[in-house]
Amino acid sequence: MGSSEDDLKREAQAQRARMSETLEAIGDRVSPERMVERRKAAIGQKARSMRDSVMGSRDYEEPKLTHLRGQAREQAGKAMSTAADRVQHAPDMVAERARGNPLAAGVVAFGAGMLLATLFPETPTEHRMLDAAQPQLQHAAEGLKEASRDLAQDAKQHGQEAASELKNAGSDAASSVTQQLQATSQGSPQRQTP
């Protein structure tokens, strides 16, 4: 058989309740006041989202990796600033050190030229010229190596000669002081002990 009258009434009441909820939701959806409220809330949420993306959220904690990246950028900036200062003052320091030494000045000028050459891209003409000049460059590099070896050897020899002269001068001065002390002690009266 079918359902009882009570079952039918309960089912009708449940269906009315569902329809009532549906009608309320539809009414809420099409209500002008509720539409304005929803629109305001959406605009407010977008404004908060934009503010948080630009300025950061108050509740947001910076991830460790981002923090480390920031520190690394800061340290790199400091290092770049220090390097820029050094590069800015390098010509003065190089000129001071190279004063009176034309070979050192030539090496420094060559190095500066090489540094500048690495900053600009190579053109096809330069590439062809470099290929043509490669043997001369290798020969010049070998000559430069030999000259630097000779310079180091000369510096070593001069250093040894200077050390020897200093040693001799020190020995001469010590013996001179000893002789003067002996002459002074012989010329002064001796104390008598009681």
C-alpha atoms as a PDB file:
ATOM      1  CA  MET A   1       0.000   0.000   0.000  1.00  0.00           C
ATOM      2  CA  GLY A   2       0.927   3.549   0.138  1.00  0.00           C
ATOM      3  CA  SER A   3       2.204   5.851   2.735  1.00  0.00           C
ATOM      4  CA  SER A   4       0.143   6.855   5.659  1.00  0.00           C
ATOM      5  CA  GLU A   5      -1.412  10.246   6.036  1.00  0.00           C
ATOM      6  CA  ASP A   6       1.145  11.252   8.722  1.00  0.00           C
ATOM      7  CA  ASP A   7       4.040  10.302   6.484  1.00  0.00           C
ATOM      8  CA  LEU A   8       2.602  12.383   3.687  1.00  0.00           C
ATOM      9  CA  LYS A   9       2.139  15.373   6.012  1.00  0.00           C
ATOM     10  CA  ARG A  10       5.759  15.092   7.243  1.00  0.00           C
ATOM     11  CA  GLU A  11       7.047  14.844   3.744  1.00  0.00           C
ATOM     12  CA  ALA A  12       4.964  17.866   2.641  1.00  0.00           C
ATOM     13  CA  GLN A  13       6.261  19.904   5.626  1.00  0.00           C
ATOM     14  CA  ALA A  14       9.883  18.977   4.807  1.00  0.00           C
ATOM     15  CA  GLN A  15       9.328  19.933   1.190  1.00  0.00           C
ATOM     16  CA  ARG A  16       7.738  23.264   2.264  1.00  0.00           C
ATOM     17  CA  ALA A  17      10.754  23.922   4.518  1.00  0.00           C
ATOM     18  CA  ARG A  18      13.149  23.233   1.647  1.00  0.00           C
ATOM     19  CA  MET A  19      11.110  25.431  -0.695  1.00  0.00           C
ATOM     20  CA  SER A  20      10.975  28.136   1.946  1.00  0.00           C
ATOM     21  CA  GLU A  21      14.785  28.040   2.274  1.00  0.00           C
ATOM     22  CA  THR A  22      15.125  28.126  -1.490  1.00  0.00           C
ATOM     23  CA  LEU A  23      12.724  31.075  -1.770  1.00  0.00           C
ATOM     24  CA  GLU A  24      14.579  32.904   0.995  1.00  0.00           C
ATOM     25  CA  ALA A  25      17.892  32.317  -0.789  1.00  0.00           C
ATOM     26  CA  ILE A  26      16.381  33.584  -4.041  1.00  0.00           C
ATOM     27  CA  GLY A  27      14.906  36.574  -2.254  1.00  0.00           C
ATOM     28  CA  ASP A  28      18.242  37.235  -0.566  1.00  0.00           C
ATOM     29  CA  ARG A  29      19.968  36.966  -3.889  1.00  0.00           C
ATOM     30  CA  VAL A  30      17.710  39.447  -5.672  1.00  0.00           C
ATOM     31  CA  SER A  31      17.149  41.813  -2.741  1.00  0.00           C
ATOM     32  CA  PRO A  32      18.596  45.262  -3.566  1.00  0.00           C
ATOM     33  CA  GLU A  33      19.895  45.794  -0.007  1.00  0.00           C
ATOM     34  CA  ARG A  34      21.636  42.422   0.035  1.00  0.00           C
ATOM     35  CA  MET A  35      23.079  43.075  -3.445  1.00  0.00           C
ATOM     36  CA  VAL A  36      24.584  46.363  -2.220  1.00  0.00           C
ATOM     37  CA  GLU A  37      25.956  44.643   0.912  1.00  0.00           C
ATOM     38  CA  ARG A  38      27.537  41.872  -1.160  1.00  0.00           C
ATOM     39  CA  ARG A  39      29.012  44.425  -3.578  1.00  0.00           C
ATOM     40  CA  LYS A  40      30.458  46.471  -0.706  1.00  0.00           C
ATOM     41  CA  ALA A  41      31.951  43.360   0.862  1.00  0.00           C
ATOM     42  CA  ALA A  42      33.499  42.302  -2.471  1.00  0.00           C
ATOM     43  CA  ILE A  43      35.002  45.767  -3.044  1.00  0.00           C
ATOM     44  CA  GLY A  44      36.301  45.871   0.520  1.00  0.00           C
ATOM     45  CA  GLN A  45      37.854  42.426   0.102  1.00  0.00           C
ATOM     46  CA  LYS A  46      39.540  43.477  -3.160  1.00  0.00           C
ATOM     47  CA  ALA A  47      40.874  46.655  -1.536  1.00  0.00           C
ATOM     48  CA  ARG A  48      42.278  44.648   1.411  1.00  0.00           C
ATOM     49  CA  SER A  49      43.776  42.136  -0.999  1.00  0.00           C
ATOM     50  CA  MET A  50      45.465  44.883  -3.038  1.00  0.00           C
ATOM     51  CA  ARG A  51      46.732  46.631   0.106  1.00  0.00           C
ATOM     52  CA  ASP A  52      48.105  43.341   1.449  1.00  0.00           C
ATOM     53  CA  SER A  53      49.822  42.545  -1.833  1.00  0.00           C
ATOM     54  CA  VAL A  54      51.452  45.987  -1.969  1.00  0.00           C
ATOM     55  CA  MET A  55      52.180  46.648   1.694  1.00  0.00           C
ATOM     56  CA  GLY A  56      52.076  43.162   3.151  1.00  0.00           C
ATOM     57  CA  SER A  57      49.585  41.718   5.562  1.00  0.00           C
ATOM     58  CA  ARG A  58      49.804  42.563   9.265  1.00  0.00           C
ATOM     59  CA  ASP A  59      49.541  38.883  10.154  1.00  0.00           C
ATOM     60  CA  TYR A  60      52.025  37.785   7.519  1.00  0.00           C
ATOM     61  CA  GLU A  61      55.352  36.384   8.683  1.00  0.00           C
ATOM     62  CA  GLU A  62      58.103  36.555   6.097  1.00  0.00           C
ATOM     63  CA  PRO A  63      59.348  33.092   5.098  1.00  0.00           C
ATOM     64  CA  LYS A  64      62.928  32.353   6.037  1.00  0.00           C
ATOM     65  CA  LEU A  65      64.006  31.998   2.408  1.00  0.00           C
ATOM     66  CA  THR A  66      62.661  35.421   1.477  1.00  0.00           C
ATOM     67  CA  HIS A  67      64.349  36.903   4.533  1.00  0.00           C
ATOM     68  CA  LEU A  68      67.640  35.266   3.550  1.00  0.00           C
ATOM     69  CA  ARG A  69      67.288  36.556   0.000  1.00  0.00           C
ATOM     70  CA  GLY A  70      66.807  40.056   1.355  1.00  0.00           C
ATOM     71  CA  GLN A  71      69.909  39.722   3.498  1.00  0.00           C
ATOM     72  CA  ALA A  72      71.876  38.359   0.550  1.00  0.00           C
ATOM     73  CA  ARG A  73      70.748  41.303  -1.618  1.00  0.00           C
ATOM     74  CA  GLU A  74      71.742  43.726   1.131  1.00  0.00           C
ATOM     75  CA  GLN A  75      75.171  42.132   1.517  1.00  0.00           C
ATOM     76  CA  ALA A  76      75.642  42.041  -2.259  1.00  0.00           C
ATOM     77  CA  GLY A  77      74.745  45.721  -2.409  1.00  0.00           C
ATOM     78  CA  LYS A  78      77.331  46.513   0.249  1.00  0.00           C
ATOM     79  CA  ALA A  79      79.933  44.424  -1.575  1.00  0.00           C
ATOM     80  CA  MET A  80      79.132  46.176  -4.856  1.00  0.00           C
ATOM     81  CA  SER A  81      79.428  49.548  -3.138  1.00  0.00           C
ATOM     82  CA  THR A  82      82.797  48.571  -1.663  1.00  0.00           C
ATOM     83  CA  ALA A  83      83.969  47.252  -5.031  1.00  0.00           C
ATOM     84  CA  ALA A  84      82.800  50.440  -6.745  1.00  0.00           C
ATOM     85  CA  ASP A  85      84.759  52.501  -4.231  1.00  0.00           C
ATOM     86  CA  ARG A  86      87.847  50.396  -4.824  1.00  0.00           C
ATOM     87  CA  VAL A  87      87.478  50.673  -8.589  1.00  0.00           C
ATOM     88  CA  GLN A  88      86.978  54.405  -8.268  1.00  0.00           C
ATOM     89  CA  HIS A  89      90.184  54.797  -6.244  1.00  0.00           C
ATOM     90  CA  ALA A  90      92.143  52.150  -8.155  1.00  0.00           C
ATOM     91  CA  PRO A  91      93.709  54.530 -10.689  1.00  0.00           C
ATOM     92  CA  ASP A  92      95.192  56.645  -7.894  1.00  0.00           C
ATOM     93  CA  MET A  93      96.551  53.600  -6.073  1.00  0.00           C
ATOM     94  CA  VAL A  94      97.927  52.094  -9.276  1.00  0.00           C
ATOM     95  CA  ALA A  95      99.573  55.360 -10.279  1.00  0.00           C
ATOM     96  CA  GLU A  96     101.183  55.625  -6.849  1.00  0.00           C
ATOM     97  CA  ARG A  97     102.520  52.075  -6.948  1.00  0.00           C
ATOM     98  CA  ALA A  98     103.651  52.249 -10.575  1.00  0.00           C
ATOM     99  CA  ARG A  99     105.484  55.557 -10.172  1.00  0.00           C
ATOM    100  CA  GLY A 100     109.090  55.050 -11.276  1.00  0.00           C
ATOM    101  CA  ASN A 101     108.418  51.574 -12.681  1.00  0.00           C
ATOM    102  CA  PRO A 102     107.491  51.654 -16.396  1.00  0.00           C
ATOM    103  CA  LEU A 103     107.120  47.879 -16.663  1.00  0.00           C
ATOM    104  CA  ALA A 104     104.553  47.827 -13.872  1.00  0.00           C
ATOM    105  CA  ALA A 105     102.739  50.749 -15.486  1.00  0.00           C
ATOM    106  CA  GLY A 106     102.610  48.844 -18.781  1.00  0.00           C
ATOM    107  CA  VAL A 107     101.255  45.722 -17.100  1.00  0.00           C
ATOM    108  CA  VAL A 108      98.606  47.772 -15.301  1.00  0.00           C
ATOM    109  CA  ALA A 109      97.579  49.524 -18.515  1.00  0.00           C
ATOM    110  CA  PHE A 110      97.371  46.171 -20.300  1.00  0.00           C
ATOM    111  CA  GLY A 111      95.221  44.750 -17.486  1.00  0.00           C
ATOM    112  CA  ALA A 112      92.923  47.783 -17.522  1.00  0.00           C
ATOM    113  CA  GLY A 113      92.542  47.434 -21.282  1.00  0.00           C
ATOM    114  CA  MET A 114      91.687  43.760 -20.923  1.00  0.00           C
ATOM    115  CA  LEU A 115      89.108  44.563 -18.240  1.00  0.00           C
ATOM    116  CA  LEU A 116      87.461  47.173 -20.449  1.00  0.00           C
ATOM    117  CA  ALA A 117      87.520  44.779 -23.398  1.00  0.00           C
ATOM    118  CA  THR A 118      85.549  42.186 -21.409  1.00  0.00           C
ATOM    119  CA  LEU A 119      82.802  44.706 -20.655  1.00  0.00           C
ATOM    120  CA  PHE A 120      81.896  45.267 -24.306  1.00  0.00           C
ATOM    121  CA  PRO A 121      80.639  42.530 -26.664  1.00  0.00           C
ATOM    122  CA  GLU A 122      82.973  41.284 -29.372  1.00  0.00           C
ATOM    123  CA  THR A 123      82.205  42.362 -32.949  1.00  0.00           C
ATOM    124  CA  PRO A 124      82.862  40.138 -35.989  1.00  0.00           C
ATOM    125  CA  THR A 125      85.681  42.447 -37.113  1.00  0.00           C
ATOM    126  CA  GLU A 126      87.325  42.187 -33.716  1.00  0.00           C
ATOM    127  CA  HIS A 127      86.943  38.406 -33.831  1.00  0.00           C
ATOM    128  CA  ARG A 128      88.737  38.228 -37.205  1.00  0.00           C
ATOM    129  CA  MET A 129      91.480  40.579 -36.004  1.00  0.00           C
ATOM    130  CA  LEU A 130      91.913  38.568 -32.821  1.00  0.00           C
ATOM    131  CA  ASP A 131      92.277  35.339 -34.783  1.00  0.00           C
ATOM    132  CA  ALA A 132      94.892  37.002 -36.992  1.00  0.00           C
ATOM    133  CA  ALA A 133      96.794  38.462 -34.006  1.00  0.00           C
ATOM    134  CA  GLN A 134      96.669  35.285 -31.872  1.00  0.00           C
ATOM    135  CA  PRO A 135     100.277  34.207 -32.613  1.00  0.00           C
ATOM    136  CA  GLN A 136     101.634  37.659 -31.753  1.00  0.00           C
ATOM    137  CA  LEU A 137      99.586  37.725 -28.556  1.00  0.00           C
ATOM    138  CA  GLN A 138     100.955  34.343 -27.501  1.00  0.00           C
ATOM    139  CA  HIS A 139     104.492  35.508 -28.226  1.00  0.00           C
ATOM    140  CA  ALA A 140     103.882  38.702 -26.222  1.00  0.00           C
ATOM    141  CA  ALA A 141     102.446  36.676 -23.330  1.00  0.00           C
ATOM    142  CA  GLU A 142     105.533  34.464 -23.295  1.00  0.00           C
ATOM    143  CA  GLY A 143     107.749  37.561 -23.370  1.00  0.00           C
ATOM    144  CA  LEU A 144     105.750  39.047 -20.509  1.00  0.00           C
ATOM    145  CA  LYS A 145     106.155  35.849 -18.487  1.00  0.00           C
ATOM    146  CA  GLU A 146     109.877  35.890 -19.107  1.00  0.00           C
ATOM    147  CA  ALA A 147     110.121  39.576 -18.199  1.00  0.00           C
ATOM    148  CA  SER A 148     108.200  38.992 -14.983  1.00  0.00           C
ATOM    149  CA  ARG A 149     110.505  36.087 -14.100  1.00  0.00           C
ATOM    150  CA  ASP A 150     113.536  38.313 -14.760  1.00  0.00           C
ATOM    151  CA  LEU A 151     111.980  41.085 -12.687  1.00  0.00           C
ATOM    152  CA  ALA A 152     111.324  38.688  -9.816  1.00  0.00           C
ATOM    153  CA  GLN A 153     114.882  37.366 -10.040  1.00  0.00           C
ATOM    154  CA  ASP A 154     116.303  40.911 -10.056  1.00  0.00           C
ATOM    155  CA  ALA A 155     114.155  41.847  -7.088  1.00  0.00           C
ATOM    156  CA  LYS A 156     115.314  38.757  -5.221  1.00  0.00           C
ATOM    157  CA  GLN A 157     118.944  39.539  -6.025  1.00  0.00           C
ATOM    158  CA  HIS A 158     118.568  43.188  -4.960  1.00  0.00           C
ATOM    159  CA  GLY A 159     116.870  42.060  -1.758  1.00  0.00           C
ATOM    160  CA  GLN A 160     119.719  39.666  -0.962  1.00  0.00           C
ATOM    161  CA  GLU A 161     122.316  42.368  -1.693  1.00  0.00           C
ATOM    162  CA  ALA A 162     120.454  44.847   0.512  1.00  0.00           C
ATOM    163  CA  ALA A 163     120.221  42.280   3.308  1.00  0.00           C
ATOM    164  CA  SER A 164     123.937  41.556   3.001  1.00  0.00           C
ATOM    165  CA  GLU A 165     124.790  45.278   3.061  1.00  0.00           C
ATOM    166  CA  LEU A 166     122.537  45.764   6.075  1.00  0.00           C
ATOM    167  CA  LYS A 167     124.191  42.850   7.841  1.00  0.00           C
ATOM    168  CA  ASN A 168     127.657  44.235   7.076  1.00  0.00           C
ATOM    169  CA  ALA A 169     126.646  47.744   8.183  1.00  0.00           C
ATOM    170  CA  GLY A 170     125.236  46.300  11.395  1.00  0.00           C
ATOM    171  CA  SER A 171     128.401  44.319  12.058  1.00  0.00           C
ATOM    172  CA  ASP A 172     130.559  47.381  11.323  1.00  0.00           C
ATOM    173  CA  ALA A 173     128.430  49.532  13.632  1.00  0.00           C
ATOM    174  CA  ALA A 174     128.580  46.923  16.392  1.00  0.00           C
ATOM    175  CA  SER A 175     132.350  46.594  16.140  1.00  0.00           C
ATOM    176  CA  SER A 176     132.718  50.396  16.056  1.00  0.00           C
ATOM    177  CA  VAL A 177     130.594  50.728  19.202  1.00  0.00           C
ATOM    178  CA  THR A 178     132.622  47.960  20.862  1.00  0.00           C
ATOM    179  CA  GLN A 179     135.899  49.705  19.988  1.00  0.00           C
ATOM    180  CA  GLN A 180     134.612  53.037  21.284  1.00  0.00           C
ATOM    181  CA  LEU A 181     133.510  51.419  24.546  1.00  0.00           C
ATOM    182  CA  GLN A 182     136.876  49.761  24.962  1.00  0.00           C
ATOM    183  CA  ALA A 183     138.692  53.043  24.228  1.00  0.00           C
ATOM    184  CA  THR A 184     136.469  54.895  26.656  1.00  0.00           C
ATOM    185  CA  SER A 185     136.930  52.294  29.382  1.00  0.00           C
ATOM    186  CA  GLN A 186     140.726  52.402  28.977  1.00  0.00           C
ATOM    187  CA  GLY A 187     140.852  56.179  29.137  1.00  0.00           C
ATOM    188  CA  SER A 188     138.668  56.515  32.257  1.00  0.00           C
ATOM    189  CA  PRO A 189     140.106  55.981  35.779  1.00  0.00           C
ATOM    190  CA  GLN A 190     139.423  52.607  37.345  1.00  0.00           C
ATOM    191  CA  ARG A 191     137.488  52.461  40.570  1.00  0.00           C
ATOM    192  CA  GLN A 192     139.194  50.881  43.460  1.00  0.00           C
ATOM    193  CA  THR A 193     137.281  48.489  45.585  1.00  0.00           C
ATOM    194  CA  PRO A 194     137.645  48.907  49.411  1.00  0.00           C
END
